[in-house]
């Protein structure tokens, strides 16, 4: 009996040792490698343990920030700084670091994550997850809640490509209000100071508010000048030419004389039928050619064709950045448009909307012919509103004329203005330099040369 027991025990030991050896050979080599994928059983067990490791009181918490858009935008900035290296810009985890971790970072839009409570996500960010690449973050509670808010809205705010586009911002721009350039001064003091001295900020000036706006001496008689200082509601331009608008009813009309700043002399101002596409469609009389249909859409912010009112005269901050009320209330990157982060088409549309020759796709509009892209604002597709004129190199046209409203100096102004605008408002960056060069090449390809 004893001998039989010893044999059985020996056999059992051999089997155990052999099994252990086989198990060792099957399991241990490569056990430390992060390259393998977790098996289905391991994944299910780990997920179950993860959900049940969160204390009930932590799991029951809700995000006190709710779905505030500014908080979501702040969460996106934090996510980009702290989380994107592993989780990817869109929460998909398809990054160099994430793909090399064991276990892999979860897809943050997956049902496993979306089914977690706010408090559960907060708990994992705050305390990390043991034996994974998820660290415990030492951030203020508010920042963690901002991350939770962003993760909840990943499908809505994450762009479809890594390059920042404009489509995610269009809806917000439509629901916001224009705040005026002065509201930008508090946070962007240096930029505002540069802009306020630029031509963009001083295209249209009221001589009653700015007595120095009128350059020539109107007390000196000239046969071309049939108006007085009291007739001038607005002065337009100050560098190459200066024109004068008179208000009649709720419209403005150009006086028939303009001041040549370079040569210090008066010249006739009238657009002949051969000079621009719209001229034959209007009577040959300056006082029957309102600036609202022909000029004001580009020389103002948010011109309303129904009320003939503007949010701001001149090319203010919101002409290129869209309505800024939300950004003024909560100044974060993602609630204001920035052409420097657009793709090259939308970036150039910012300048081309006014620094080009064309006509609206729909014309007339309510019985009137407009010479600017009615309905367009930064972030939309200019091609949906504006048809550029075809130009044959070497030919003079409404875009390049030796005489008339679009003179040689006006051509130079068109080509240089995008770069001038960007230099006026911000130090030169890679994005603005690329945008200026691309726009200048586009303009130059039409204009050929201005000499």
Protein backbone atom coordinates (compact mmCIF):
# COMPACT_ATOMS: atom_id res chain seq x y z
CA UNK A 1 0.00 0.00 0.00
CA UNK A 2 2.80 2.31 0.95
CA UNK A 3 4.73 1.49 -2.16
CA UNK A 4 1.67 2.00 -4.34
CA UNK A 5 1.02 5.36 -2.69
CA UNK A 6 4.59 6.45 -3.30
CA UNK A 7 4.34 5.52 -6.97
CA UNK A 8 1.09 7.45 -7.39
CA UNK A 9 2.54 10.42 -5.56
CA UNK A 10 5.62 10.31 -7.77
CA UNK A 11 3.47 10.15 -10.89
CA UNK A 12 1.40 13.07 -9.62
CA UNK A 13 4.54 15.10 -8.98
CA UNK A 14 5.84 14.32 -12.45
CA UNK A 15 2.51 15.33 -14.00
CA UNK A 16 2.41 18.55 -11.99
CA UNK A 17 5.99 19.40 -12.84
CA UNK A 18 5.43 18.59 -16.49
CA UNK A 19 2.22 20.61 -16.52
CA UNK A 20 3.92 23.49 -14.79
CA UNK A 21 6.74 23.28 -17.27
CA UNK A 22 4.33 23.24 -20.20
CA UNK A 23 2.36 26.09 -18.69
CA UNK A 24 5.57 28.03 -18.16
CA UNK A 25 6.65 27.46 -21.76
CA UNK A 26 3.19 28.52 -22.99
CA UNK A 27 2.63 31.47 -20.68
CA UNK A 28 5.84 33.04 -19.40
CA UNK A 29 7.94 33.65 -22.55
CA UNK A 30 6.64 36.96 -23.92
CA UNK A 31 4.41 37.50 -20.88
CA UNK A 32 5.97 40.92 -20.30
CA UNK A 33 5.47 42.01 -23.93
CA UNK A 34 2.94 44.77 -24.59
CA UNK A 35 2.64 43.81 -28.25
CA UNK A 36 0.06 41.08 -27.77
CA UNK A 37 -3.65 41.75 -27.73
CA UNK A 38 -5.66 40.88 -24.59
CA UNK A 39 -7.90 37.88 -25.07
CA UNK A 40 -11.73 38.15 -24.94
CA UNK A 41 -11.92 36.53 -21.49
CA UNK A 42 -9.26 38.82 -20.07
CA UNK A 43 -10.98 41.86 -21.55
CA UNK A 44 -14.39 40.94 -20.09
CA UNK A 45 -12.98 40.18 -16.65
CA UNK A 46 -10.89 43.37 -16.59
CA UNK A 47 -13.85 45.50 -17.73
CA UNK A 48 -16.11 43.99 -15.07
CA UNK A 49 -13.51 44.60 -12.37
CA UNK A 50 -12.96 48.16 -13.60
CA UNK A 51 -16.66 49.06 -13.34
CA UNK A 52 -17.01 47.48 -9.91
CA UNK A 53 -13.85 49.07 -8.51
CA UNK A 54 -15.45 52.53 -8.39
CA UNK A 55 -17.11 53.34 -5.03
CA UNK A 56 -20.89 53.86 -5.35
CA UNK A 57 -20.75 57.43 -4.02
CA UNK A 58 -18.14 58.34 -6.67
CA UNK A 59 -20.12 56.65 -9.42
CA UNK A 60 -23.26 58.62 -8.48
CA UNK A 61 -21.67 62.05 -9.09
CA UNK A 62 -22.84 64.15 -12.04
CA UNK A 63 -20.87 66.79 -13.93
CA UNK A 64 -21.61 70.19 -12.33
CA UNK A 65 -20.50 71.95 -15.53
CA UNK A 66 -23.27 70.38 -17.62
CA UNK A 67 -22.92 70.89 -21.38
CA UNK A 68 -21.62 74.46 -21.34
CA UNK A 69 -19.90 75.00 -24.67
CA UNK A 70 -17.06 77.05 -23.20
CA UNK A 71 -16.34 74.31 -20.64
CA UNK A 72 -16.34 71.68 -23.41
CA UNK A 73 -13.89 73.84 -25.38
CA UNK A 74 -11.68 74.20 -22.31
CA UNK A 75 -11.83 70.41 -21.91
CA UNK A 76 -10.71 69.99 -25.48
CA UNK A 77 -7.65 72.16 -24.83
CA UNK A 78 -6.80 70.07 -21.77
CA UNK A 79 -7.40 66.85 -23.69
CA UNK A 80 -5.00 68.05 -26.39
CA UNK A 81 -2.33 68.80 -23.77
CA UNK A 82 -2.74 65.82 -21.42
CA UNK A 83 -4.51 62.97 -23.23
CA UNK A 84 -4.03 63.21 -26.98
CA UNK A 85 -0.63 61.47 -27.01
CA UNK A 86 -2.27 58.18 -25.99
CA UNK A 87 -5.95 58.60 -26.85
CA UNK A 88 -5.59 60.48 -30.15
CA UNK A 89 -7.20 63.79 -31.10
CA UNK A 90 -10.55 62.06 -31.64
CA UNK A 91 -10.43 59.65 -28.68
CA UNK A 92 -9.80 56.67 -30.94
CA UNK A 93 -6.46 55.71 -29.35
CA UNK A 94 -4.79 55.30 -32.74
CA UNK A 95 -1.47 56.88 -31.78
CA UNK A 96 2.12 55.68 -31.71
CA UNK A 97 2.13 55.55 -27.91
CA UNK A 98 -1.40 54.20 -27.53
CA UNK A 99 -0.91 51.37 -29.99
CA UNK A 100 2.10 50.18 -28.00
CA UNK A 101 0.39 49.97 -24.60
CA UNK A 102 -1.07 46.90 -22.87
CA UNK A 103 -3.95 47.02 -22.59
CA UNK A 104 -4.63 49.44 -25.44
CA UNK A 105 -6.35 52.75 -24.57
CA UNK A 106 -10.12 52.29 -24.96
CA UNK A 107 -12.02 54.00 -27.75
CA UNK A 108 -13.62 56.86 -25.85
CA UNK A 109 -16.72 56.81 -28.06
CA UNK A 110 -17.27 53.09 -27.37
CA UNK A 111 -20.29 51.76 -25.47
CA UNK A 112 -18.01 50.74 -22.58
CA UNK A 113 -17.01 54.35 -21.99
CA UNK A 114 -20.28 56.05 -22.95
CA UNK A 115 -22.16 53.80 -20.51
CA UNK A 116 -20.02 55.02 -17.62
CA UNK A 117 -21.47 57.69 -15.36
CA UNK A 118 -19.87 61.14 -15.14
CA UNK A 119 -18.56 60.25 -11.71
CA UNK A 120 -17.00 57.02 -12.97
CA UNK A 121 -15.06 58.81 -15.70
CA UNK A 122 -14.02 61.46 -13.19
CA UNK A 123 -12.82 58.75 -10.78
CA UNK A 124 -10.64 57.06 -13.40
CA UNK A 125 -9.06 60.36 -14.49
CA UNK A 126 -8.42 61.38 -10.90
CA UNK A 127 -7.07 58.03 -9.63
CA UNK A 128 -5.72 56.38 -12.77
CA UNK A 129 -6.09 52.66 -13.57
CA UNK A 130 -3.58 50.24 -12.10
CA UNK A 131 -1.52 48.01 -14.45
CA UNK A 132 -2.40 50.17 -17.48
CA UNK A 133 -0.93 53.27 -19.05
CA UNK A 134 -3.59 55.48 -17.39
CA UNK A 135 -1.93 57.67 -14.74
CA UNK A 136 -3.56 59.42 -11.78
CA UNK A 137 -3.86 63.10 -12.68
CA UNK A 138 -3.19 65.84 -10.14
CA UNK A 139 -5.51 68.43 -11.63
CA UNK A 140 -8.14 70.67 -10.03
CA UNK A 141 -11.62 69.17 -9.99
CA UNK A 142 -12.91 71.75 -12.47
CA UNK A 143 -10.36 70.72 -15.08
CA UNK A 144 -11.24 67.05 -14.67
CA UNK A 145 -14.92 67.87 -15.08
CA UNK A 146 -14.01 69.83 -18.22
CA UNK A 147 -12.34 66.71 -19.57
CA UNK A 148 -15.44 64.68 -18.71
CA UNK A 149 -17.58 67.23 -20.60
CA UNK A 150 -15.35 67.01 -23.65
CA UNK A 151 -15.31 63.19 -23.64
CA UNK A 152 -19.12 63.23 -23.50
CA UNK A 153 -19.21 65.43 -26.62
CA UNK A 154 -16.47 63.82 -28.67
CA UNK A 155 -18.84 62.86 -31.54
CA UNK A 156 -20.02 66.48 -31.79
CA UNK A 157 -16.82 68.50 -31.49
CA UNK A 158 -13.96 66.29 -32.68
CA UNK A 159 -13.06 67.11 -36.32
CA UNK A 160 -13.18 64.35 -38.88
CA UNK A 161 -9.58 65.02 -39.86
CA UNK A 162 -6.60 65.97 -37.77
CA UNK A 163 -6.44 69.35 -39.49
CA UNK A 164 -8.68 71.86 -37.76
CA UNK A 165 -11.54 72.72 -40.11
CA UNK A 166 -14.44 75.11 -39.93
CA UNK A 167 -17.56 72.97 -40.10
CA UNK A 168 -17.76 72.44 -36.36
CA UNK A 169 -17.89 76.18 -35.76
CA UNK A 170 -20.48 77.30 -38.29
CA UNK A 171 -23.53 76.50 -36.19
CA UNK A 172 -22.14 78.30 -33.20
CA UNK A 173 -21.34 81.37 -35.27
CA UNK A 174 -24.93 81.50 -36.51
CA UNK A 175 -26.35 81.61 -32.97
CA UNK A 176 -23.91 84.17 -31.56
CA UNK A 177 -24.00 87.95 -31.63
CA UNK A 178 -21.49 90.51 -32.87
CA UNK A 179 -19.79 92.20 -29.94
CA UNK A 180 -17.71 94.85 -31.72
CA UNK A 181 -13.95 95.22 -32.02
CA UNK A 182 -13.72 97.28 -28.83
CA UNK A 183 -14.69 94.19 -26.83
CA UNK A 184 -11.49 92.50 -28.03
CA UNK A 185 -9.19 95.19 -26.64
CA UNK A 186 -9.11 93.99 -23.03
CA UNK A 187 -7.50 90.62 -23.82
CA UNK A 188 -5.77 91.50 -27.11
CA UNK A 189 -4.46 94.96 -26.29
CA UNK A 190 -1.38 94.90 -28.53
CA UNK A 191 -3.24 93.42 -31.50
CA UNK A 192 -6.07 95.92 -31.05
CA UNK A 193 -3.60 98.81 -30.95
CA UNK A 194 -2.01 97.72 -34.23
CA UNK A 195 -5.37 97.11 -35.87
CA UNK A 196 -6.80 100.47 -34.77
CA UNK A 197 -4.05 102.27 -36.71
CA UNK A 198 -4.43 100.15 -39.84
CA UNK A 199 -6.32 101.02 -43.01
CA UNK A 200 -8.73 98.20 -42.27
CA UNK A 201 -9.90 100.03 -39.16
CA UNK A 202 -10.11 103.42 -40.87
CA UNK A 203 -11.63 102.85 -44.30
CA UNK A 204 -14.93 104.53 -43.39
CA UNK A 205 -14.84 107.53 -41.04
CA UNK A 206 -17.46 109.96 -39.83
CA UNK A 207 -16.09 113.54 -40.12
CA UNK A 208 -18.36 114.64 -37.28
CA UNK A 209 -16.52 112.24 -34.95
CA UNK A 210 -13.17 112.64 -36.71
CA UNK A 211 -12.84 116.23 -38.00
CA UNK A 212 -9.38 115.42 -39.36
CA UNK A 213 -10.79 112.70 -41.64
CA UNK A 214 -11.32 115.06 -44.60
CA UNK A 215 -7.95 115.53 -46.25
CA UNK A 216 -8.51 118.35 -48.83
CA UNK A 217 -9.45 121.92 -48.00
CA UNK A 218 -13.10 122.16 -49.04
CA UNK A 219 -13.10 125.92 -48.63
CA UNK A 220 -11.08 126.20 -51.85
CA UNK A 221 -13.42 126.18 -54.89
CA UNK A 222 -13.04 123.55 -57.60
CA UNK A 223 -15.34 122.97 -60.59
CA UNK A 224 -15.61 119.25 -59.76
CA UNK A 225 -16.72 119.84 -56.17
CA UNK A 226 -20.43 120.56 -55.73
CA UNK A 227 -20.72 119.58 -52.06
CA UNK A 228 -19.68 121.02 -48.71
CA UNK A 229 -18.36 119.53 -45.49
CA UNK A 230 -21.90 119.46 -44.08
CA UNK A 231 -23.00 117.17 -46.92
CA UNK A 232 -20.46 114.48 -46.03
CA UNK A 233 -21.80 111.66 -43.85
CA UNK A 234 -18.81 109.37 -44.37
CA UNK A 235 -15.31 109.68 -45.72
CA UNK A 236 -13.96 106.63 -47.55
CA UNK A 237 -10.21 106.05 -47.87
CA UNK A 238 -7.14 108.05 -46.95
CA UNK A 239 -4.09 106.50 -48.61
CA UNK A 240 -4.48 106.59 -52.39
CA UNK A 241 -7.86 108.18 -52.89
CA UNK A 242 -10.62 109.64 -50.77
CA UNK A 243 -14.31 109.55 -51.60
CA UNK A 244 -17.28 111.18 -49.89
CA UNK A 245 -20.66 109.65 -49.12
CA UNK A 246 -23.84 111.63 -48.62
CA UNK A 247 -26.81 110.16 -46.74
CA UNK A 248 -30.22 110.35 -48.40
CA UNK A 249 -32.99 108.53 -46.55
CA UNK A 250 -31.53 105.30 -45.21
CA UNK A 251 -28.89 104.94 -47.95
CA UNK A 252 -25.50 106.49 -48.67
CA UNK A 253 -24.44 107.75 -52.10
CA UNK A 254 -21.00 108.75 -53.45
CA UNK A 255 -20.36 112.36 -54.38
CA UNK A 256 -19.18 112.88 -58.00
CA UNK A 257 -15.67 113.98 -57.04
CA UNK A 258 -12.82 112.16 -55.30
CA UNK A 259 -9.53 113.43 -53.91
CA UNK A 260 -6.31 112.04 -55.41
CA UNK A 261 -4.15 111.80 -52.31
CA UNK A 262 -0.92 111.13 -54.19
CA UNK A 263 -1.19 114.06 -56.61
CA UNK A 264 -3.20 116.30 -54.27
CA UNK A 265 -5.88 117.13 -56.79
CA UNK A 266 -9.60 116.56 -57.40
CA UNK A 267 -10.74 113.97 -59.95
CA UNK A 268 -14.17 113.05 -61.24
CA UNK A 269 -15.73 109.97 -59.70
CA UNK A 270 -18.18 108.05 -61.82
CA UNK A 271 -18.24 104.38 -62.87
CA UNK A 272 -18.94 104.12 -66.62
CA UNK A 273 -20.88 101.20 -68.06
CA UNK A 274 -17.71 99.65 -69.45
CA UNK A 275 -15.93 99.65 -66.09
CA UNK A 276 -17.92 97.12 -64.07
CA UNK A 277 -20.62 94.52 -64.65
CA UNK A 278 -23.20 96.26 -62.46
CA UNK A 279 -22.86 99.76 -63.97
CA UNK A 280 -25.30 99.25 -66.91
CA UNK A 281 -27.88 97.94 -64.43
CA UNK A 282 -27.98 101.24 -62.54
CA UNK A 283 -28.91 104.73 -63.81
CA UNK A 284 -25.90 106.86 -64.85
CA UNK A 285 -26.21 108.98 -61.72
CA UNK A 286 -24.13 108.61 -58.53
CA UNK A 287 -27.16 109.52 -56.43
CA UNK A 288 -29.05 106.52 -57.79
CA UNK A 289 -26.24 104.08 -57.03
CA UNK A 290 -26.37 103.39 -53.28
CA UNK A 291 -23.30 102.18 -51.43
CA UNK A 292 -25.41 99.60 -49.58
CA UNK A 293 -25.66 97.39 -52.64
CA UNK A 294 -22.26 98.19 -54.11
CA UNK A 295 -19.81 98.90 -51.27
CA UNK A 296 -20.99 98.57 -47.68
CA UNK A 297 -20.93 94.78 -47.42
CA UNK A 298 -17.13 94.86 -47.57
CA UNK A 299 -16.57 98.07 -45.66
CA UNK A 300 -18.45 96.95 -42.57
CA UNK A 301 -19.16 94.03 -40.27
CA UNK A 302 -22.52 92.25 -40.63
CA UNK A 303 -24.30 94.53 -43.09
CA UNK A 304 -28.03 93.72 -43.01
CA UNK A 305 -29.60 94.23 -46.43
CA UNK A 306 -33.10 94.31 -44.91
CA UNK A 307 -32.48 97.05 -42.35
CA UNK A 308 -29.43 98.65 -44.05
CA UNK A 309 -27.62 98.62 -40.73
CA UNK A 310 -24.23 97.32 -39.65
CA UNK A 311 -22.79 95.91 -36.44
CA UNK A 312 -19.66 97.97 -37.04
CA UNK A 313 -18.28 100.13 -39.81
CA UNK A 314 -14.84 99.25 -41.19
CA UNK A 315 -13.15 95.86 -41.33
CA UNK A 316 -13.43 95.02 -37.65
CA UNK A 317 -12.15 91.96 -35.83
CA UNK A 318 -15.37 90.01 -36.40
CA UNK A 319 -15.18 90.46 -40.18
CA UNK A 320 -12.46 87.80 -40.14
CA UNK A 321 -13.26 85.99 -36.87
CA UNK A 322 -17.05 85.83 -36.91
CA UNK A 323 -19.44 86.94 -34.15
CA UNK A 324 -17.61 87.01 -30.84
CA UNK A 325 -20.19 87.30 -28.05
CA UNK A 326 -19.53 83.78 -26.76
CA UNK A 327 -15.77 84.33 -26.91
CA UNK A 328 -16.07 87.59 -25.00
CA UNK A 329 -18.10 85.83 -22.30
CA UNK A 330 -15.81 82.76 -22.17
CA UNK A 331 -12.53 83.48 -24.00
CA UNK A 332 -11.33 80.06 -25.14
CA UNK A 333 -9.87 79.05 -28.48
CA UNK A 334 -12.73 76.93 -29.75
CA UNK A 335 -15.56 79.47 -29.55
CA UNK A 336 -14.04 81.94 -32.00
CA UNK A 337 -13.17 81.46 -35.67
CA UNK A 338 -9.51 81.78 -36.62
CA UNK A 339 -8.55 81.78 -40.31
CA UNK A 340 -5.04 80.76 -39.28
CA UNK A 341 -6.44 77.34 -38.35
CA UNK A 342 -8.64 76.94 -41.46
CA UNK A 343 -7.76 74.83 -44.48
CA UNK A 344 -6.22 76.94 -47.24
CA UNK A 345 -9.48 77.38 -49.17
CA UNK A 346 -11.49 78.79 -46.27
CA UNK A 347 -8.47 80.80 -45.10
CA UNK A 348 -8.18 82.50 -48.47
CA UNK A 349 -11.95 83.01 -48.62
CA UNK A 350 -11.49 85.36 -45.66
CA UNK A 351 -9.65 87.83 -47.90
CA UNK A 352 -11.08 86.92 -51.29
CA UNK A 353 -14.63 87.75 -50.17
CA UNK A 354 -13.74 91.41 -50.71
CA UNK A 355 -10.35 91.43 -52.44
CA UNK A 356 -11.64 89.98 -55.70
CA UNK A 357 -13.88 90.88 -58.59
CA UNK A 358 -17.04 88.87 -59.07
CA UNK A 359 -20.75 88.83 -58.42
CA UNK A 360 -23.25 86.96 -56.20
CA UNK A 361 -24.53 83.64 -57.53
CA UNK A 362 -28.07 84.91 -56.89
CA UNK A 363 -28.62 88.31 -58.44
CA UNK A 364 -30.73 90.40 -58.28
CA UNK A 365 -31.56 89.96 -54.60
CA UNK A 366 -34.95 91.41 -53.72
CA UNK A 367 -34.82 93.41 -56.93
CA UNK A 368 -31.36 94.90 -56.32
CA UNK A 369 -27.98 94.05 -57.81
CA UNK A 370 -25.23 93.58 -55.22
CA UNK A 371 -21.49 93.75 -55.83
CA UNK A 372 -20.44 91.81 -52.73
CA UNK A 373 -21.15 88.24 -51.49
CA UNK A 374 -24.45 88.72 -49.67
CA UNK A 375 -25.01 86.05 -47.00
CA UNK A 376 -21.39 84.96 -46.74
CA UNK A 377 -19.50 85.07 -43.48
CA UNK A 378 -16.17 83.62 -42.45
CA UNK A 379 -16.34 79.84 -42.05
CA UNK A 380 -18.81 79.25 -44.90
CA UNK A 381 -17.88 78.31 -48.46
CA UNK A 382 -17.42 81.47 -50.50
CA UNK A 383 -18.04 79.49 -53.70
CA UNK A 384 -21.65 79.02 -52.54
CA UNK A 385 -22.19 82.79 -52.63
CA UNK A 386 -19.70 84.34 -55.03
CA UNK A 387 -18.75 83.76 -58.66
CA UNK A 388 -15.31 85.09 -59.52
CA UNK A 389 -14.92 86.88 -62.83
CA UNK A 390 -12.83 85.09 -65.42
CA UNK A 391 -9.81 87.12 -66.44
CA UNK A 392 -7.68 86.80 -69.55
CA UNK A 393 -4.06 87.68 -68.92
CA UNK A 394 -3.00 90.86 -70.66
CA UNK A 395 -6.53 92.24 -71.02
CA UNK A 396 -7.87 95.26 -69.18
CA UNK A 397 -11.16 94.70 -67.41
CA UNK A 398 -13.13 95.81 -64.38
CA UNK A 399 -10.36 94.19 -62.35
CA UNK A 400 -7.45 95.99 -64.03
CA UNK A 401 -8.03 99.37 -65.62
CA UNK A 402 -5.62 102.17 -66.38
CA UNK A 403 -8.38 104.66 -65.62
CA UNK A 404 -11.66 104.50 -63.77
CA UNK A 405 -12.62 103.12 -60.36
CA UNK A 406 -10.16 100.20 -60.37
CA UNK A 407 -6.89 101.93 -61.17
CA UNK A 408 -3.33 100.72 -61.12
CA UNK A 409 -3.03 101.74 -57.46
CA UNK A 410 -6.25 99.91 -56.64
CA UNK A 411 -4.79 96.78 -58.22
CA UNK A 412 -1.74 97.08 -55.99
CA UNK A 413 -4.01 97.61 -53.01
CA UNK A 414 -5.93 94.42 -53.84
CA UNK A 415 -2.77 92.32 -54.05
CA UNK A 416 -1.12 93.69 -50.93
CA UNK A 417 -4.14 94.09 -48.65
CA UNK A 418 -4.33 90.50 -47.31
CA UNK A 419 -0.72 90.68 -46.17
CA UNK A 420 -1.21 94.23 -44.86
CA UNK A 421 -4.26 93.11 -42.91
CA UNK A 422 -2.47 90.21 -41.25
CA UNK A 423 0.61 92.28 -40.45
CA UNK A 424 -1.67 94.85 -38.86
CA UNK A 425 -3.31 92.47 -36.44
CA UNK A 426 -0.70 89.90 -35.52
CA UNK A 427 3.00 89.10 -35.64
CA UNK A 428 3.90 87.08 -38.71
CA UNK A 429 3.41 83.36 -38.15
CA UNK A 430 3.77 80.33 -40.38
CA UNK A 431 0.00 80.18 -40.89
CA UNK A 432 -0.45 83.87 -41.71
CA UNK A 433 2.60 83.92 -43.95
CA UNK A 434 1.32 80.92 -45.91
CA UNK A 435 -2.13 82.49 -46.13
CA UNK A 436 -0.71 85.82 -47.34
CA UNK A 437 1.52 84.18 -49.93
CA UNK A 438 -1.26 81.95 -51.24
CA UNK A 439 -3.70 84.86 -51.50
CA UNK A 440 -1.11 87.06 -53.13
CA UNK A 441 -0.31 84.37 -55.70
CA UNK A 442 -4.03 83.99 -56.40
CA UNK A 443 -4.48 87.74 -56.88
CA UNK A 444 -1.29 88.03 -58.91
CA UNK A 445 -2.39 85.23 -61.23
CA UNK A 446 -5.42 87.34 -62.12
CA UNK A 447 -3.72 90.70 -62.20
CA UNK A 448 -0.50 89.52 -63.91
CA UNK A 449 1.19 92.75 -63.05
CA UNK A 450 0.22 96.31 -62.11
CA UNK A 451 3.10 98.23 -63.63
